[in-house]
Amino acid sequence: MYAARVYWFIQGTSDVPRENDWLTGDERARYAAMAVEKRREEWRLGRWTSKRAVSTYLAGAAEKLDPASLDIRAAADGAPQVLLHGEPGPVSISISHRAGFCLCAVAASDVPVGCDLEVIEPHSSEFIADYFAIEERSLLLRVLPVDHPLFVSLIWSAKESALKVVRKGLRRDTRSVIVQLDPERAGDGWMPLAIRCVESSRWFHGWWQAIGGFVLTVSAAVTTDKPIDLHRFLGGSGSAASLR
């Protein structure tokens, strides 16, 4: 069976250039119009990360494609879309911000993709009861107490990434997608998971990994190979190094 390719890329606030010449004129106007500084810098980080990821995906090296020729805009449903020289780009992307970092997933335009980046941290029993399905709560009973924060954060992250695939985000009940994974298969690198959409009975395929104090998930509407780190095309130390 053919498996689609999905790529991933991470940047932190320290990676973003001080100047804004890599933004398009419209993007600079949108940036200037934002009143809340935290939101401005988060938005700027997201634009830098996604432009860097998309340009590397399209050209093989970010320097070969001027970031100012790319415009990352929110579609009518809020999902990010790529314009290249004012026309829709041949890519599908997803963006997630957390704690001064941004994760971007990139795939071909016919591969709906979602990603999410979460800090591994404890969550209350009330949070789990409110947002997790019965099957997910049962899965957590198989997890050692020391690993509980990881797997709660992981399940939450996988839900968010799957809801981005259907372009609904947290506007939809998080219990409408149910995460399935084997908690005994935790290890280094990307590990598989699956998400079932209750309403349509569709299955989404995904991957997860824990890096430092973060958990990352990437989901798609089709079967995909393990996500490919776009840093490999830039001669860098890899996206994982950004979070360690």
Protein backbone atom coordinates (compact mmCIF):
# COMPACT_ATOMS: atom_id res chain seq x y z
CA MET A 1 0.00 0.00 0.00
CA TYR A 2 1.28 3.45 -0.90
CA ALA A 3 2.15 5.60 2.11
CA ALA A 4 2.22 9.36 1.75
CA ARG A 5 5.11 11.44 3.03
CA VAL A 6 4.74 14.04 5.76
CA TYR A 7 7.52 16.40 6.85
CA TRP A 8 8.06 18.22 10.14
CA PHE A 9 10.02 21.25 11.27
CA ILE A 10 10.49 23.06 14.59
CA GLN A 11 11.74 26.55 15.38
CA GLY A 12 11.97 28.59 18.58
CA THR A 13 11.60 32.29 19.20
CA SER A 14 15.40 32.70 19.12
CA ASP A 15 15.45 31.42 15.52
CA VAL A 16 13.24 34.21 14.17
CA PRO A 17 15.11 37.10 12.47
CA ARG A 18 14.85 40.50 14.14
CA GLU A 19 13.80 42.25 10.95
CA ASN A 20 10.52 41.63 9.12
CA ASP A 21 11.76 41.72 5.52
CA TRP A 22 10.82 38.05 5.13
CA LEU A 23 7.13 38.93 5.64
CA THR A 24 4.95 40.00 2.73
CA GLY A 25 3.43 43.46 2.78
CA ASP A 26 0.04 42.07 3.82
CA GLU A 27 1.66 40.03 6.59
CA ARG A 28 3.50 43.07 7.93
CA ALA A 29 0.20 44.92 8.03
CA ARG A 30 -1.48 42.07 9.93
CA TYR A 31 1.44 41.91 12.35
CA ALA A 32 1.34 45.66 13.01
CA ALA A 33 -2.41 45.52 13.67
CA MET A 34 -2.09 43.03 16.54
CA ALA A 35 -2.39 44.74 19.89
CA VAL A 36 -1.25 41.95 22.25
CA GLU A 37 2.53 41.50 22.24
CA LYS A 38 2.44 37.79 23.14
CA ARG A 39 0.04 37.11 20.30
CA ARG A 40 2.19 39.17 17.90
CA GLU A 41 5.34 37.21 18.68
CA GLU A 42 3.57 33.85 18.59
CA TRP A 43 2.08 34.73 15.20
CA ARG A 44 5.48 35.85 13.94
CA LEU A 45 7.10 32.62 15.13
CA GLY A 46 4.40 30.61 13.37
CA ARG A 47 4.89 32.48 10.11
CA TRP A 48 8.67 32.09 10.22
CA THR A 49 8.48 28.37 11.01
CA SER A 50 5.89 27.59 8.36
CA LYS A 51 7.62 29.67 5.67
CA ARG A 52 10.93 27.99 6.44
CA ALA A 53 9.28 24.56 6.36
CA VAL A 54 7.33 25.16 3.15
CA SER A 55 10.24 26.74 1.28
CA THR A 56 12.48 23.80 2.25
CA TYR A 57 9.81 21.31 1.20
CA LEU A 58 9.27 23.01 -2.16
CA ALA A 59 12.85 23.94 -3.03
CA GLY A 60 15.05 21.56 -1.09
CA ALA A 61 16.79 24.43 0.72
CA ALA A 62 15.13 27.45 2.27
CA GLU A 63 17.63 29.86 0.71
CA LYS A 64 16.43 28.92 -2.79
CA LEU A 65 12.94 30.27 -2.24
CA ASP A 66 12.44 33.79 -0.90
CA PRO A 67 10.22 33.61 2.23
CA ALA A 68 8.68 36.93 1.18
CA SER A 69 7.18 35.15 -1.85
CA LEU A 70 5.14 32.97 0.53
CA ASP A 71 2.06 34.19 2.33
CA ILE A 72 0.63 32.03 5.12
CA ARG A 73 -3.00 32.96 5.68
CA ALA A 74 -5.93 31.64 7.64
CA ALA A 75 -8.62 30.12 5.42
CA ALA A 76 -12.31 30.79 6.08
CA ASP A 77 -12.40 27.88 8.56
CA GLY A 78 -9.28 29.13 10.34
CA ALA A 79 -6.86 26.50 9.04
CA PRO A 80 -3.57 27.81 7.63
CA GLN A 81 -3.12 27.92 3.86
CA VAL A 82 -0.11 28.74 1.70
CA LEU A 83 -0.05 31.27 -1.13
CA LEU A 84 2.96 31.28 -3.45
CA HIS A 85 3.26 34.50 -5.46
CA GLY A 86 -0.40 35.10 -4.66
CA GLU A 87 -1.62 31.67 -5.86
CA PRO A 88 -2.49 28.60 -3.77
CA GLY A 89 0.66 26.59 -3.11
CA PRO A 90 0.83 22.82 -3.77
CA VAL A 91 1.08 22.00 -0.08
CA SER A 92 -0.97 21.16 2.98
CA ILE A 93 0.29 22.49 6.31
CA SER A 94 -0.52 22.50 9.99
CA ILE A 95 0.97 24.70 12.71
CA SER A 96 1.14 24.35 16.50
CA HIS A 97 2.63 26.73 19.09
CA ARG A 98 3.69 25.91 22.63
CA ALA A 99 6.02 27.47 25.18
CA GLY A 100 8.08 29.53 22.74
CA PHE A 101 8.33 26.85 20.05
CA CYS A 102 6.42 26.15 16.86
CA LEU A 103 5.90 22.84 15.06
CA CYS A 104 4.92 22.80 11.39
CA ALA A 105 3.86 19.72 9.42
CA VAL A 106 3.96 19.81 5.61
CA ALA A 107 2.58 17.42 3.00
CA ALA A 108 1.31 17.46 -0.57
CA SER A 109 -1.89 19.40 -1.15
CA ASP A 110 -3.95 16.19 -1.45
CA VAL A 111 -2.83 14.96 2.00
CA PRO A 112 -4.80 16.71 4.76
CA VAL A 113 -2.44 16.95 7.71
CA GLY A 114 -2.58 18.07 11.33
CA CYS A 115 0.07 18.49 14.01
CA ASP A 116 0.27 19.44 17.65
CA LEU A 117 2.99 20.29 20.16
CA GLU A 118 2.32 19.96 23.89
CA VAL A 119 4.29 20.30 27.11
CA ILE A 120 4.31 17.05 29.08
CA GLU A 121 2.61 18.01 32.31
CA PRO A 122 0.09 16.62 34.84
CA HIS A 123 -3.64 16.99 34.13
CA SER A 124 -6.46 16.66 36.60
CA SER A 125 -8.91 13.77 36.74
CA GLU A 126 -11.62 16.31 35.90
CA PHE A 127 -9.81 17.23 32.68
CA ILE A 128 -9.60 13.56 31.68
CA ALA A 129 -13.28 12.94 32.50
CA ASP A 130 -14.41 16.00 30.54
CA TYR A 131 -12.33 15.57 27.38
CA PHE A 132 -11.40 11.89 27.02
CA ALA A 133 -13.57 9.04 25.73
CA ILE A 134 -14.16 5.87 27.76
CA GLU A 135 -11.69 3.93 25.60
CA GLU A 136 -8.97 6.50 26.27
CA ARG A 137 -9.61 6.48 30.00
CA SER A 138 -9.32 2.69 29.93
CA LEU A 139 -6.02 2.97 28.07
CA LEU A 140 -4.65 5.21 30.80
CA LEU A 141 -5.33 2.49 33.38
CA ARG A 142 -2.57 0.45 31.69
CA VAL A 143 -0.02 3.23 32.14
CA LEU A 144 2.43 3.38 35.03
CA PRO A 145 1.89 6.42 37.30
CA VAL A 146 5.29 7.85 36.33
CA ASP A 147 4.22 7.83 32.65
CA HIS A 148 0.73 9.21 33.25
CA PRO A 149 1.55 12.87 32.40
CA LEU A 150 3.17 11.77 29.12
CA PHE A 151 0.24 9.70 27.93
CA VAL A 152 -2.44 12.17 28.98
CA SER A 153 -0.56 14.92 27.13
CA LEU A 154 -0.06 12.55 24.17
CA ILE A 155 -3.73 11.63 23.86
CA TRP A 156 -4.72 15.29 24.09
CA SER A 157 -2.15 16.22 21.45
CA ALA A 158 -3.30 13.45 19.10
CA LYS A 159 -6.89 14.65 19.43
CA GLU A 160 -5.86 18.20 18.52
CA SER A 161 -3.86 17.07 15.51
CA ALA A 162 -6.73 14.88 14.25
CA LEU A 163 -9.27 17.68 14.65
CA LYS A 164 -6.98 19.87 12.54
CA VAL A 165 -7.07 17.25 9.78
CA VAL A 166 -10.86 17.72 9.56
CA ARG A 167 -10.33 21.49 9.87
CA LYS A 168 -12.52 21.78 12.96
CA GLY A 169 -10.03 22.23 15.78
CA LEU A 170 -11.39 22.49 19.30
CA ARG A 171 -14.75 23.72 17.98
CA ARG A 172 -15.68 20.02 17.89
CA ASP A 173 -16.15 17.81 20.96
CA THR A 174 -12.77 16.22 21.70
CA ARG A 175 -14.53 12.94 22.50
CA SER A 176 -15.66 12.74 18.86
CA VAL A 177 -12.20 11.44 17.99
CA ILE A 178 -10.76 8.47 19.88
CA VAL A 179 -7.02 7.83 20.08
CA GLN A 180 -5.67 4.30 19.92
CA LEU A 181 -2.05 3.43 20.68
CA ASP A 182 0.05 0.88 22.52
CA PRO A 183 1.52 2.42 25.69
CA GLU A 184 4.09 -0.37 25.82
CA ARG A 185 5.57 0.73 22.51
CA ALA A 186 6.98 3.99 23.83
CA GLY A 187 10.56 4.62 22.77
CA ASP A 188 12.87 6.97 20.93
CA GLY A 189 11.76 8.42 17.61
CA TRP A 190 8.36 8.41 15.98
CA MET A 191 5.84 5.81 17.15
CA PRO A 192 2.52 4.97 15.43
CA LEU A 193 -0.97 5.80 16.60
CA ALA A 194 -4.47 5.78 15.12
CA ILE A 195 -7.50 8.01 15.63
CA ARG A 196 -11.10 6.98 14.96
CA CYS A 197 -13.68 9.63 14.08
CA VAL A 198 -16.87 8.57 15.87
CA GLU A 199 -19.34 10.35 13.60
CA SER A 200 -17.99 9.10 10.27
CA SER A 201 -16.17 5.93 11.41
CA ARG A 202 -13.14 7.20 9.47
CA TRP A 203 -9.67 6.33 10.66
CA PHE A 204 -6.79 8.77 10.69
CA HIS A 205 -3.21 7.62 10.85
CA GLY A 206 -0.59 9.35 12.93
CA TRP A 207 2.76 9.38 14.66
CA TRP A 208 4.03 10.63 18.00
CA GLN A 209 7.28 11.15 19.84
CA ALA A 210 8.45 12.68 23.10
CA ILE A 211 11.41 15.06 23.01
CA GLY A 212 12.68 16.60 26.21
CA GLY A 213 9.64 17.92 28.02
CA PHE A 214 7.41 17.95 24.94
CA VAL A 215 5.23 15.50 23.04
CA LEU A 216 4.64 15.91 19.28
CA THR A 217 1.91 14.37 17.15
CA VAL A 218 1.33 14.38 13.40
CA SER A 219 -1.89 13.01 11.88
CA ALA A 220 -3.17 12.61 8.33
CA ALA A 221 -6.27 11.45 6.52
CA VAL A 222 -4.22 8.79 4.71
CA THR A 223 -1.53 6.29 5.65
CA THR A 224 1.86 7.98 5.99
CA ASP A 225 5.44 6.92 6.53
CA LYS A 226 7.28 8.21 9.58
CA PRO A 227 7.51 12.02 9.42
CA ILE A 228 10.68 13.29 7.77
CA ASP A 229 12.70 16.02 9.47
CA LEU A 230 13.14 18.96 7.09
CA HIS A 231 16.31 19.93 8.92
CA ARG A 232 18.05 17.10 7.08
CA PHE A 233 17.87 19.18 3.88
CA LEU A 234 19.44 22.20 5.60
CA GLY A 235 22.48 20.53 7.08
CA GLY A 236 21.35 21.34 10.63
CA SER A 237 21.39 19.19 13.76
CA GLY A 238 17.71 18.35 13.44
CA SER A 239 14.38 19.60 14.74
CA ALA A 240 14.68 17.48 17.88
CA ALA A 241 17.75 19.46 18.96
CA SER A 242 15.60 22.59 19.16
CA LEU A 243 13.58 21.13 22.06
CA ARG A 244 16.36 19.53 24.10
